[in-house]
Amino acid sequence: MVADGIKDGPAMASADLGMAIARGSDLAVRSADMILVREDLRLISDASRLANRTLTTMRGNLAWAFGYNIAAIPLVAAGVLKPLIAGAAMSLSSVLFVSNSLRLRSYDPAERSTS
């Protein structure tokens, strides 16, 4: 739900996703999950696409982390992989997560998806 008025606050609070325009009432802004700082309603679709891309990135990072841990922990426990090497690989894995997440900074709303 997108709103900017006082009467919209309860509806926004109960919605799955509430968006308020920054110049709206204080109640609407406090009830919102997301605040649009510009009064351009076209930003709603851009925000939705960015949120979906963020969720996809988070899921990819989690899949990588679970996969790495499921593979590495038994190898370390069996003595096949030295703990020092596993620790270094974990640090590299963290760098990869951050690098993957930083790709979101290059999000360009002008690239409208056709899907």
PDB file of N, CA and C in Angstrom:
ATOM      1  N   MET A   1       0.851  -1.173   0.000  1.00  0.00           N
ATOM      2  CA  MET A   1       0.000   0.000   0.000  1.00  0.00           C
ATOM      3  C   MET A   1       0.892   1.230   0.000  1.00  0.00           C
ATOM      4  N   VAL A   2       0.548   2.197  -0.812  1.00  0.00           N
ATOM      5  CA  VAL A   2       1.261   3.463  -0.863  1.00  0.00           C
ATOM      6  C   VAL A   2       0.302   4.553  -0.408  1.00  0.00           C
ATOM      7  N   ALA A   3       0.734   5.359   0.552  1.00  0.00           N
ATOM      8  CA  ALA A   3      -0.153   6.383   1.084  1.00  0.00           C
ATOM      9  C   ALA A   3       0.649   7.542   1.638  1.00  0.00           C
ATOM     10  N   ASP A   4      -0.087   8.625   1.956  1.00  0.00           N
ATOM     11  CA  ASP A   4       0.580   9.789   2.554  1.00  0.00           C
ATOM     12  C   ASP A   4      -0.261  10.479   3.625  1.00  0.00           C
ATOM     13  N   GLY A   5      -1.434   9.966   3.914  1.00  0.00           N
ATOM     14  CA  GLY A   5      -2.329  10.662   4.832  1.00  0.00           C
ATOM     15  C   GLY A   5      -2.427  10.020   6.201  1.00  0.00           C
ATOM     16  N   ILE A   6      -3.106  10.713   7.108  1.00  0.00           N
ATOM     17  CA  ILE A   6      -3.280  10.252   8.491  1.00  0.00           C
ATOM     18  C   ILE A   6      -4.176   9.021   8.530  1.00  0.00           C
ATOM     19  N   LYS A   7      -5.231   9.011   7.754  1.00  0.00           N
ATOM     20  CA  LYS A   7      -6.170   7.898   7.766  1.00  0.00           C
ATOM     21  C   LYS A   7      -5.567   6.630   7.171  1.00  0.00           C
ATOM     22  N   ASP A   8      -4.467   6.761   6.458  1.00  0.00           N
ATOM     23  CA  ASP A   8      -3.853   5.617   5.794  1.00  0.00           C
ATOM     24  C   ASP A   8      -2.920   4.831   6.710  1.00  0.00           C
ATOM     25  N   GLY A   9      -2.547   5.374   7.851  1.00  0.00           N
ATOM     26  CA  GLY A   9      -1.585   4.737   8.754  1.00  0.00           C
ATOM     27  C   GLY A   9      -1.963   3.326   9.168  1.00  0.00           C
ATOM     28  N   PRO A  10      -3.191   3.098   9.687  1.00  0.00           N
ATOM     29  CA  PRO A  10      -3.560   1.733  10.097  1.00  0.00           C
ATOM     30  C   PRO A  10      -3.563   0.742   8.929  1.00  0.00           C
ATOM     31  N   ALA A  11      -4.017   1.169   7.769  1.00  0.00           N
ATOM     32  CA  ALA A  11      -4.029   0.275   6.608  1.00  0.00           C
ATOM     33  C   ALA A  11      -2.603  -0.068   6.188  1.00  0.00           C
ATOM     34  N   MET A  12      -1.705   0.923   6.254  1.00  0.00           N
ATOM     35  CA  MET A  12      -0.311   0.672   5.891  1.00  0.00           C
ATOM     36  C   MET A  12       0.357  -0.266   6.882  1.00  0.00           C
ATOM     37  N   ALA A  13       0.023  -0.099   8.154  1.00  0.00           N
ATOM     38  CA  ALA A  13       0.621  -0.948   9.188  1.00  0.00           C
ATOM     39  C   ALA A  13       0.193  -2.400   9.018  1.00  0.00           C
ATOM     40  N   SER A  14      -1.016  -2.644   8.519  1.00  0.00           N
ATOM     41  CA  SER A  14      -1.487  -4.014   8.351  1.00  0.00           C
ATOM     42  C   SER A  14      -1.165  -4.589   6.973  1.00  0.00           C
ATOM     43  N   ALA A  15      -0.669  -3.775   6.051  1.00  0.00           N
ATOM     44  CA  ALA A  15      -0.332  -4.248   4.709  1.00  0.00           C
ATOM     45  C   ALA A  15       0.955  -5.065   4.738  1.00  0.00           C
ATOM     46  N   ASP A  16       1.136  -5.908   3.723  1.00  0.00           N
ATOM     47  CA  ASP A  16       2.378  -6.669   3.605  1.00  0.00           C
ATOM     48  C   ASP A  16       3.561  -5.733   3.412  1.00  0.00           C
ATOM     49  N   LEU A  17       3.353  -4.694   2.629  1.00  0.00           N
ATOM     50  CA  LEU A  17       4.399  -3.696   2.387  1.00  0.00           C
ATOM     51  C   LEU A  17       3.740  -2.333   2.347  1.00  0.00           C
ATOM     52  N   GLY A  18       4.166  -1.454   3.225  1.00  0.00           N
ATOM     53  CA  GLY A  18       3.637  -0.100   3.262  1.00  0.00           C
ATOM     54  C   GLY A  18       4.690   0.897   2.813  1.00  0.00           C
ATOM     55  N   MET A  19       4.327   1.737   1.868  1.00  0.00           N
ATOM     56  CA  MET A  19       5.226   2.784   1.389  1.00  0.00           C
ATOM     57  C   MET A  19       4.569   4.129   1.620  1.00  0.00           C
ATOM     58  N   ALA A  20       5.349   5.069   2.129  1.00  0.00           N
ATOM     59  CA  ALA A  20       4.842   6.414   2.361  1.00  0.00           C
ATOM     60  C   ALA A  20       5.704   7.403   1.610  1.00  0.00           C
ATOM     61  N   ILE A  21       5.091   8.510   1.249  1.00  0.00           N
ATOM     62  CA  ILE A  21       5.827   9.597   0.621  1.00  0.00           C
ATOM     63  C   ILE A  21       6.363  10.471   1.751  1.00  0.00           C
ATOM     64  N   ALA A  22       7.606  10.863   1.664  1.00  0.00           N
ATOM     65  CA  ALA A  22       8.297  11.534   2.765  1.00  0.00           C
ATOM     66  C   ALA A  22       7.555  12.769   3.256  1.00  0.00           C
ATOM     67  N   ARG A  23       6.897  13.469   2.385  1.00  0.00           N
ATOM     68  CA  ARG A  23       6.181  14.682   2.794  1.00  0.00           C
ATOM     69  C   ARG A  23       4.780  14.392   3.304  1.00  0.00           C
ATOM     70  N   GLY A  24       4.469  13.111   3.489  1.00  0.00           N
ATOM     71  CA  GLY A  24       3.158  12.734   4.002  1.00  0.00           C
ATOM     72  C   GLY A  24       3.074  12.989   5.494  1.00  0.00           C
ATOM     73  N   SER A  25       1.987  12.539   6.075  1.00  0.00           N
ATOM     74  CA  SER A  25       1.788  12.755   7.514  1.00  0.00           C
ATOM     75  C   SER A  25       2.806  11.939   8.308  1.00  0.00           C
ATOM     76  N   ASP A  26       3.052  12.381   9.540  1.00  0.00           N
ATOM     77  CA  ASP A  26       4.000  11.678  10.413  1.00  0.00           C
ATOM     78  C   ASP A  26       3.537  10.251  10.693  1.00  0.00           C
ATOM     79  N   LEU A  27       2.249  10.063  10.849  1.00  0.00           N
ATOM     80  CA  LEU A  27       1.716   8.736  11.119  1.00  0.00           C
ATOM     81  C   LEU A  27       1.969   7.804   9.940  1.00  0.00           C
ATOM     82  N   ALA A  28       1.742   8.288   8.734  1.00  0.00           N
ATOM     83  CA  ALA A  28       1.980   7.463   7.544  1.00  0.00           C
ATOM     84  C   ALA A  28       3.458   7.107   7.431  1.00  0.00           C
ATOM     85  N   VAL A  29       4.329   8.071   7.680  1.00  0.00           N
ATOM     86  CA  VAL A  29       5.770   7.821   7.580  1.00  0.00           C
ATOM     87  C   VAL A  29       6.211   6.818   8.642  1.00  0.00           C
ATOM     88  N   ARG A  30       5.683   6.929   9.860  1.00  0.00           N
ATOM     89  CA  ARG A  30       6.054   5.997  10.930  1.00  0.00           C
ATOM     90  C   ARG A  30       5.494   4.598  10.692  1.00  0.00           C
ATOM     91  N   SER A  31       4.360   4.480  10.025  1.00  0.00           N
ATOM     92  CA  SER A  31       3.736   3.188   9.773  1.00  0.00           C
ATOM     93  C   SER A  31       4.332   2.472   8.566  1.00  0.00           C
ATOM     94  N   ALA A  32       5.049   3.198   7.755  1.00  0.00           N
ATOM     95  CA  ALA A  32       5.542   2.638   6.495  1.00  0.00           C
ATOM     96  C   ALA A  32       6.753   1.737   6.699  1.00  0.00           C
ATOM     97  N   ASP A  33       6.864   0.734   5.836  1.00  0.00           N
ATOM     98  CA  ASP A  33       8.057  -0.109   5.793  1.00  0.00           C
ATOM     99  C   ASP A  33       9.136   0.558   4.943  1.00  0.00           C
ATOM    100  N   MET A  34       8.703   1.356   3.986  1.00  0.00           N
ATOM    101  CA  MET A  34       9.618   2.013   3.060  1.00  0.00           C
ATOM    102  C   MET A  34       9.120   3.440   2.842  1.00  0.00           C
ATOM    103  N   ILE A  35      10.054   4.384   2.786  1.00  0.00           N
ATOM    104  CA  ILE A  35       9.688   5.780   2.597  1.00  0.00           C
ATOM    105  C   ILE A  35      10.283   6.266   1.284  1.00  0.00           C
ATOM    106  N   LEU A  36       9.429   6.795   0.425  1.00  0.00           N
ATOM    107  CA  LEU A  36       9.881   7.369  -0.844  1.00  0.00           C
ATOM    108  C   LEU A  36      10.244   8.825  -0.591  1.00  0.00           C
ATOM    109  N   VAL A  37      11.484   9.191  -0.843  1.00  0.00           N
ATOM    110  CA  VAL A  37      11.915  10.545  -0.528  1.00  0.00           C
ATOM    111  C   VAL A  37      11.556  11.536  -1.629  1.00  0.00           C
ATOM    112  N   ARG A  38      11.243  11.038  -2.799  1.00  0.00           N
ATOM    113  CA  ARG A  38      10.768  11.918  -3.870  1.00  0.00           C
ATOM    114  C   ARG A  38       9.301  11.618  -4.146  1.00  0.00           C
ATOM    115  N   GLU A  39       8.582  12.589  -4.587  1.00  0.00           N
ATOM    116  CA  GLU A  39       7.149  12.421  -4.830  1.00  0.00           C
ATOM    117  C   GLU A  39       6.882  11.960  -6.259  1.00  0.00           C
ATOM    118  N   ASP A  40       7.568  10.912  -6.661  1.00  0.00           N
ATOM    119  CA  ASP A  40       7.419  10.347  -7.997  1.00  0.00           C
ATOM    120  C   ASP A  40       6.942   8.907  -7.828  1.00  0.00           C
ATOM    121  N   LEU A  41       5.702   8.638  -8.206  1.00  0.00           N
ATOM    122  CA  LEU A  41       5.135   7.313  -7.992  1.00  0.00           C
ATOM    123  C   LEU A  41       5.774   6.247  -8.872  1.00  0.00           C
ATOM    124  N   ARG A  42       6.511   6.642  -9.884  1.00  0.00           N
ATOM    125  CA  ARG A  42       7.231   5.659 -10.693  1.00  0.00           C
ATOM    126  C   ARG A  42       8.320   4.973  -9.870  1.00  0.00           C
ATOM    127  N   LEU A  43       8.709   5.567  -8.758  1.00  0.00           N
ATOM    128  CA  LEU A  43       9.727   4.973  -7.893  1.00  0.00           C
ATOM    129  C   LEU A  43       9.241   3.692  -7.227  1.00  0.00           C
ATOM    130  N   ILE A  44       7.943   3.503  -7.171  1.00  0.00           N
ATOM    131  CA  ILE A  44       7.397   2.309  -6.528  1.00  0.00           C
ATOM    132  C   ILE A  44       7.868   1.057  -7.257  1.00  0.00           C
ATOM    133  N   SER A  45       7.773   1.048  -8.568  1.00  0.00           N
ATOM    134  CA  SER A  45       8.219  -0.134  -9.321  1.00  0.00           C
ATOM    135  C   SER A  45       9.736  -0.285  -9.240  1.00  0.00           C
ATOM    136  N   ASP A  46      10.468   0.829  -9.228  1.00  0.00           N
ATOM    137  CA  ASP A  46      11.928   0.751  -9.081  1.00  0.00           C
ATOM    138  C   ASP A  46      12.306   0.165  -7.727  1.00  0.00           C
ATOM    139  N   ALA A  47      11.622   0.595  -6.669  1.00  0.00           N
ATOM    140  CA  ALA A  47      11.896   0.090  -5.328  1.00  0.00           C
ATOM    141  C   ALA A  47      11.563  -1.395  -5.238  1.00  0.00           C
ATOM    142  N   SER A  48      10.500  -1.802  -5.872  1.00  0.00           N
ATOM    143  CA  SER A  48      10.114  -3.214  -5.865  1.00  0.00           C
ATOM    144  C   SER A  48      11.157  -4.066  -6.582  1.00  0.00           C
ATOM    145  N   ARG A  49      11.634  -3.604  -7.735  1.00  0.00           N
ATOM    146  CA  ARG A  49      12.670  -4.347  -8.470  1.00  0.00           C
ATOM    147  C   ARG A  49      13.969  -4.427  -7.670  1.00  0.00           C
ATOM    148  N   LEU A  50      14.348  -3.328  -7.024  1.00  0.00           N
ATOM    149  CA  LEU A  50      15.561  -3.339  -6.212  1.00  0.00           C
ATOM    150  C   LEU A  50      15.403  -4.284  -5.022  1.00  0.00           C
ATOM    151  N   ALA A  51      14.235  -4.306  -4.418  1.00  0.00           N
ATOM    152  CA  ALA A  51      13.990  -5.219  -3.295  1.00  0.00           C
ATOM    153  C   ALA A  51      14.076  -6.671  -3.752  1.00  0.00           C
ATOM    154  N   ASN A  52      13.529  -6.973  -4.922  1.00  0.00           N
ATOM    155  CA  ASN A  52      13.609  -8.338  -5.448  1.00  0.00           C
ATOM    156  C   ASN A  52      15.057  -8.722  -5.759  1.00  0.00           C
ATOM    157  N   ARG A  53      15.801  -7.796  -6.311  1.00  0.00           N
ATOM    158  CA  ARG A  53      17.208  -8.067  -6.615  1.00  0.00           C
ATOM    159  C   ARG A  53      18.000  -8.272  -5.326  1.00  0.00           C
ATOM    160  N   THR A  54      17.670  -7.493  -4.294  1.00  0.00           N
ATOM    161  CA  THR A  54      18.337  -7.645  -2.999  1.00  0.00           C
ATOM    162  C   THR A  54      18.040  -9.011  -2.399  1.00  0.00           C
ATOM    163  N   LEU A  55      16.794  -9.438  -2.460  1.00  0.00           N
ATOM    164  CA  LEU A  55      16.411 -10.741  -1.929  1.00  0.00           C
ATOM    165  C   LEU A  55      17.119 -11.868  -2.685  1.00  0.00           C
ATOM    166  N   THR A  56      17.220 -11.745  -3.995  1.00  0.00           N
ATOM    167  CA  THR A  56      17.927 -12.745  -4.794  1.00  0.00           C
ATOM    168  C   THR A  56      19.398 -12.809  -4.403  1.00  0.00           C
ATOM    169  N   THR A  57      20.015 -11.663  -4.182  1.00  0.00           N
ATOM    170  CA  THR A  57      21.425 -11.616  -3.768  1.00  0.00           C
ATOM    171  C   THR A  57      21.601 -12.254  -2.401  1.00  0.00           C
ATOM    172  N   MET A  58      20.698 -11.954  -1.487  1.00  0.00           N
ATOM    173  CA  MET A  58      20.785 -12.536  -0.143  1.00  0.00           C
ATOM    174  C   MET A  58      20.646 -14.056  -0.196  1.00  0.00           C
ATOM    175  N   ARG A  59      19.715 -14.543  -0.994  1.00  0.00           N
ATOM    176  CA  ARG A  59      19.530 -15.995  -1.114  1.00  0.00           C
ATOM    177  C   ARG A  59      20.767 -16.654  -1.711  1.00  0.00           C
ATOM    178  N   GLY A  60      21.369 -16.009  -2.713  1.00  0.00           N
ATOM    179  CA  GLY A  60      22.597 -16.541  -3.299  1.00  0.00           C
ATOM    180  C   GLY A  60      23.731 -16.590  -2.296  1.00  0.00           C
ATOM    181  N   ASN A  61      23.873 -15.533  -1.505  1.00  0.00           N
ATOM    182  CA  ASN A  61      24.914 -15.509  -0.474  1.00  0.00           C
ATOM    183  C   ASN A  61      24.687 -16.609   0.567  1.00  0.00           C
ATOM    184  N   LEU A  62      23.441 -16.791   0.979  1.00  0.00           N
ATOM    185  CA  LEU A  62      23.140 -17.839   1.957  1.00  0.00           C
ATOM    186  C   LEU A  62      23.397 -19.225   1.380  1.00  0.00           C
ATOM    187  N   ALA A  63      23.025 -19.444   0.126  1.00  0.00           N
ATOM    188  CA  ALA A  63      23.276 -20.746  -0.506  1.00  0.00           C
ATOM    189  C   ALA A  63      24.774 -21.027  -0.553  1.00  0.00           C
ATOM    190  N   TRP A  64      25.552 -20.023  -0.914  1.00  0.00           N
ATOM    191  CA  TRP A  64      27.006 -20.192  -0.956  1.00  0.00           C
ATOM    192  C   TRP A  64      27.546 -20.502   0.450  1.00  0.00           C
ATOM    193  N   ALA A  65      27.075 -19.779   1.448  1.00  0.00           N
ATOM    194  CA  ALA A  65      27.557 -19.988   2.818  1.00  0.00           C
ATOM    195  C   ALA A  65      27.209 -21.387   3.318  1.00  0.00           C
ATOM    196  N   PHE A  66      25.972 -21.824   3.110  1.00  0.00           N
ATOM    197  CA  PHE A  66      25.594 -23.170   3.543  1.00  0.00           C
ATOM    198  C   PHE A  66      26.392 -24.226   2.790  1.00  0.00           C
ATOM    199  N   GLY A  67      26.526 -24.046   1.486  1.00  0.00           N
ATOM    200  CA  GLY A  67      27.297 -25.003   0.687  1.00  0.00           C
ATOM    201  C   GLY A  67      28.742 -25.099   1.147  1.00  0.00           C
ATOM    202  N   TYR A  68      29.349 -23.952   1.384  1.00  0.00           N
ATOM    203  CA  TYR A  68      30.740 -23.926   1.843  1.00  0.00           C
ATOM    204  C   TYR A  68      30.871 -24.642   3.183  1.00  0.00           C
ATOM    205  N   ASN A  69      30.001 -24.321   4.121  1.00  0.00           N
ATOM    206  CA  ASN A  69      30.091 -24.916   5.455  1.00  0.00           C
ATOM    207  C   ASN A  69      29.777 -26.408   5.433  1.00  0.00           C
ATOM    208  N   ILE A  70      28.822 -26.821   4.635  1.00  0.00           N
ATOM    209  CA  ILE A  70      28.488 -28.242   4.543  1.00  0.00           C
ATOM    210  C   ILE A  70      29.667 -29.024   3.964  1.00  0.00           C
ATOM    211  N   ALA A  71      30.396 -28.415   3.030  1.00  0.00           N
ATOM    212  CA  ALA A  71      31.548 -29.096   2.432  1.00  0.00           C
ATOM    213  C   ALA A  71      32.791 -28.998   3.306  1.00  0.00           C
ATOM    214  N   ALA A  72      33.049 -27.832   3.895  1.00  0.00           N
ATOM    215  CA  ALA A  72      34.324 -27.599   4.584  1.00  0.00           C
ATOM    216  C   ALA A  72      34.385 -28.205   5.981  1.00  0.00           C
ATOM    217  N   ILE A  73      33.310 -28.144   6.724  1.00  0.00           N
ATOM    218  CA  ILE A  73      33.351 -28.619   8.118  1.00  0.00           C
ATOM    219  C   ILE A  73      33.705 -30.110   8.203  1.00  0.00           C
ATOM    220  N   PRO A  74      33.093 -30.983   7.403  1.00  0.00           N
ATOM    221  CA  PRO A  74      33.511 -32.399   7.472  1.00  0.00           C
ATOM    222  C   PRO A  74      34.965 -32.607   7.031  1.00  0.00           C
ATOM    223  N   LEU A  75      35.432 -31.814   6.048  1.00  0.00           N
ATOM    224  CA  LEU A  75      36.821 -31.952   5.607  1.00  0.00           C
ATOM    225  C   LEU A  75      37.796 -31.551   6.708  1.00  0.00           C
ATOM    226  N   VAL A  76      37.473 -30.507   7.444  1.00  0.00           N
ATOM    227  CA  VAL A  76      38.319 -30.084   8.560  1.00  0.00           C
ATOM    228  C   VAL A  76      38.251 -31.117   9.684  1.00  0.00           C
ATOM    229  N   ALA A  77      37.054 -31.608   9.978  1.00  0.00           N
ATOM    230  CA  ALA A  77      36.894 -32.602  11.043  1.00  0.00           C
ATOM    231  C   ALA A  77      37.631 -33.898  10.714  1.00  0.00           C
ATOM    232  N   ALA A  78      37.688 -34.260   9.445  1.00  0.00           N
ATOM    233  CA  ALA A  78      38.377 -35.484   9.029  1.00  0.00           C
ATOM    234  C   ALA A  78      39.884 -35.282   8.927  1.00  0.00           C
ATOM    235  N   GLY A  79      40.325 -34.048   9.015  1.00  0.00           N
ATOM    236  CA  GLY A  79      41.751 -33.779   8.929  1.00  0.00           C
ATOM    237  C   GLY A  79      42.274 -33.629   7.514  1.00  0.00           C
ATOM    238  N   VAL A  80      41.389 -33.648   6.545  1.00  0.00           N
ATOM    239  CA  VAL A  80      41.798 -33.492   5.152  1.00  0.00           C
ATOM    240  C   VAL A  80      42.194 -32.048   4.861  1.00  0.00           C
ATOM    241  N   LEU A  81      41.487 -31.118   5.459  1.00  0.00           N
ATOM    242  CA  LEU A  81      41.719 -29.697   5.253  1.00  0.00           C
ATOM    243  C   LEU A  81      42.236 -29.091   6.557  1.00  0.00           C
ATOM    244  N   LYS A  82      43.345 -28.410   6.469  1.00  0.00           N
ATOM    245  CA  LYS A  82      43.940 -27.802   7.666  1.00  0.00           C
ATOM    246  C   LYS A  82      43.062 -26.630   8.126  1.00  0.00           C
ATOM    247  N   PRO A  83      42.884 -26.456   9.443  1.00  0.00           N
ATOM    248  CA  PRO A  83      42.054 -25.360   9.955  1.00  0.00           C
ATOM    249  C   PRO A  83      42.529 -23.982   9.497  1.00  0.00           C
ATOM    250  N   LEU A  84      43.838 -23.796   9.353  1.00  0.00           N
ATOM    251  CA  LEU A  84      44.356 -22.503   8.893  1.00  0.00           C
ATOM    252  C   LEU A  84      43.877 -22.196   7.478  1.00  0.00           C
ATOM    253  N   ILE A  85      43.890 -23.195   6.629  1.00  0.00           N
ATOM    254  CA  ILE A  85      43.433 -23.012   5.248  1.00  0.00           C
ATOM    255  C   ILE A  85      41.919 -22.799   5.223  1.00  0.00           C
ATOM    256  N   ALA A  86      41.196 -23.542   6.057  1.00  0.00           N
ATOM    257  CA  ALA A  86      39.740 -23.371   6.122  1.00  0.00           C
ATOM    258  C   ALA A  86      39.380 -21.976   6.621  1.00  0.00           C
ATOM    259  N   GLY A  87      40.132 -21.474   7.601  1.00  0.00           N
ATOM    260  CA  GLY A  87      39.896 -20.112   8.093  1.00  0.00           C
ATOM    261  C   GLY A  87      40.166 -19.066   7.034  1.00  0.00           C
ATOM    262  N   ALA A  88      41.244 -19.248   6.267  1.00  0.00           N
ATOM    263  CA  ALA A  88      41.553 -18.316   5.178  1.00  0.00           C
ATOM    264  C   ALA A  88      40.467 -18.380   4.106  1.00  0.00           C
ATOM    265  N   ALA A  89      39.983 -19.583   3.818  1.00  0.00           N
ATOM    266  CA  ALA A  89      38.914 -19.726   2.823  1.00  0.00           C
ATOM    267  C   ALA A  89      37.624 -19.069   3.320  1.00  0.00           C
ATOM    268  N   MET A  90      37.373 -19.141   4.619  1.00  0.00           N
ATOM    269  CA  MET A  90      36.186 -18.492   5.185  1.00  0.00           C
ATOM    270  C   MET A  90      36.287 -16.979   5.045  1.00  0.00           C
ATOM    271  N   SER A  91      37.492 -16.437   5.261  1.00  0.00           N
ATOM    272  CA  SER A  91      37.695 -14.997   5.079  1.00  0.00           C
ATOM    273  C   SER A  91      37.486 -14.612   3.620  1.00  0.00           C
ATOM    274  N   LEU A  92      38.009 -15.425   2.714  1.00  0.00           N
ATOM    275  CA  LEU A  92      37.804 -15.163   1.287  1.00  0.00           C
ATOM    276  C   LEU A  92      36.328 -15.244   0.936  1.00  0.00           C
ATOM    277  N   SER A  93      35.632 -16.185   1.551  1.00  0.00           N
ATOM    278  CA  SER A  93      34.200 -16.324   1.326  1.00  0.00           C
ATOM    279  C   SER A  93      33.460 -15.060   1.762  1.00  0.00           C
ATOM    280  N   SER A  94      33.860 -14.491   2.885  1.00  0.00           N
ATOM    281  CA  SER A  94      33.230 -13.253   3.358  1.00  0.00           C
ATOM    282  C   SER A  94      33.474 -12.109   2.381  1.00  0.00           C
ATOM    283  N   VAL A  95      34.682 -12.039   1.834  1.00  0.00           N
ATOM    284  CA  VAL A  95      34.982 -11.013   0.832  1.00  0.00           C
ATOM    285  C   VAL A  95      34.098 -11.210  -0.395  1.00  0.00           C
ATOM    286  N   LEU A  96      33.882 -12.461  -0.782  1.00  0.00           N
ATOM    287  CA  LEU A  96      33.011 -12.730  -1.932  1.00  0.00           C
ATOM    288  C   LEU A  96      31.573 -12.314  -1.645  1.00  0.00           C
ATOM    289  N   PHE A  97      31.081 -12.542  -0.420  1.00  0.00           N
ATOM    290  CA  PHE A  97      29.720 -12.130  -0.072  1.00  0.00           C
ATOM    291  C   PHE A  97      29.569 -10.617  -0.179  1.00  0.00           C
ATOM    292  N   VAL A  98      30.534  -9.916   0.377  1.00  0.00           N
ATOM    293  CA  VAL A  98      30.467  -8.450   0.346  1.00  0.00           C
ATOM    294  C   VAL A  98      30.551  -7.952  -1.089  1.00  0.00           C
ATOM    295  N   SER A  99      31.455  -8.530  -1.869  1.00  0.00           N
ATOM    296  CA  SER A  99      31.592  -8.120  -3.277  1.00  0.00           C
ATOM    297  C   SER A  99      30.305  -8.382  -4.048  1.00  0.00           C
ATOM    298  N   ASN A 100      29.697  -9.534  -3.805  1.00  0.00           N
ATOM    299  CA  ASN A 100      28.438  -9.860  -4.469  1.00  0.00           C
ATOM    300  C   ASN A 100      27.344  -8.870  -4.073  1.00  0.00           C
ATOM    301  N   SER A 101      27.303  -8.510  -2.797  1.00  0.00           N
ATOM    302  CA  SER A 101      26.290  -7.563  -2.328  1.00  0.00           C
ATOM    303  C   SER A 101      26.535  -6.152  -2.849  1.00  0.00           C
ATOM    304  N   LEU A 102      27.791  -5.788  -3.032  1.00  0.00           N
ATOM    305  CA  LEU A 102      28.106  -4.449  -3.542  1.00  0.00           C
ATOM    306  C   LEU A 102      27.624  -4.243  -4.972  1.00  0.00           C
ATOM    307  N   ARG A 103      27.346  -5.336  -5.672  1.00  0.00           N
ATOM    308  CA  ARG A 103      26.796  -5.189  -7.022  1.00  0.00           C
ATOM    309  C   ARG A 103      25.460  -4.459  -7.003  1.00  0.00           C
ATOM    310  N   LEU A 104      24.766  -4.507  -5.875  1.00  0.00           N
ATOM    311  CA  LEU A 104      23.477  -3.814  -5.763  1.00  0.00           C
ATOM    312  C   LEU A 104      23.638  -2.299  -5.859  1.00  0.00           C
ATOM    313  N   ARG A 105      24.819  -1.793  -5.530  1.00  0.00           N
ATOM    314  CA  ARG A 105      25.042  -0.346  -5.622  1.00  0.00           C
ATOM    315  C   ARG A 105      24.979   0.143  -7.061  1.00  0.00           C
ATOM    316  N   SER A 106      25.225  -0.756  -8.008  1.00  0.00           N
ATOM    317  CA  SER A 106      25.199  -0.356  -9.413  1.00  0.00           C
ATOM    318  C   SER A 106      23.802  -0.478 -10.015  1.00  0.00           C
ATOM    319  N   TYR A 107      22.791  -0.715  -9.180  1.00  0.00           N
ATOM    320  CA  TYR A 107      21.427  -0.817  -9.672  1.00  0.00           C
ATOM    321  C   TYR A 107      21.037   0.483 -10.353  1.00  0.00           C
ATOM    322  N   ASP A 108      20.545   0.381 -11.569  1.00  0.00           N
ATOM    323  CA  ASP A 108      20.137   1.547 -12.339  1.00  0.00           C
ATOM    324  C   ASP A 108      18.648   1.413 -12.637  1.00  0.00           C
ATOM    325  N   PRO A 109      17.834   2.280 -12.058  1.00  0.00           N
ATOM    326  CA  PRO A 109      16.393   2.188 -12.308  1.00  0.00           C
ATOM    327  C   PRO A 109      16.028   2.432 -13.770  1.00  0.00           C
ATOM    328  N   ALA A 110      16.927   3.019 -14.523  1.00  0.00           N
ATOM    329  CA  ALA A 110      16.640   3.255 -15.942  1.00  0.00           C
ATOM    330  C   ALA A 110      16.611   1.956 -16.717  1.00  0.00           C
ATOM    331  N   GLU A 111      17.254   0.918 -16.195  1.00  0.00           N
ATOM    332  CA  GLU A 111      17.233  -0.384 -16.850  1.00  0.00           C
ATOM    333  C   GLU A 111      15.952  -1.095 -16.471  1.00  0.00           C
ATOM    334  N   ARG A 112      14.890  -0.764 -17.128  1.00  0.00           N
ATOM    335  CA  ARG A 112      13.584  -1.346 -16.830  1.00  0.00           C
ATOM    336  C   ARG A 112      13.554  -2.770 -17.365  1.00  0.00           C
ATOM    337  N   SER A 113      13.194  -3.711 -16.495  1.00  0.00           N
ATOM    338  CA  SER A 113      13.136  -5.106 -16.946  1.00  0.00           C
ATOM    339  C   SER A 113      11.835  -5.329 -17.693  1.00  0.00           C
ATOM    340  N   THR A 114      11.845  -6.272 -18.599  1.00  0.00           N
ATOM    341  CA  THR A 114      10.653  -6.585 -19.392  1.00  0.00           C
ATOM    342  C   THR A 114       9.815  -7.651 -18.719  1.00  0.00           C
ATOM    343  N   SER A 115      10.313  -8.248 -17.639  1.00  0.00           N
ATOM    344  CA  SER A 115       9.550  -9.303 -16.985  1.00  0.00           C
ATOM    345  C   SER A 115       8.658  -8.762 -15.899  1.00  0.00           C
TER     346      SER A 115
END
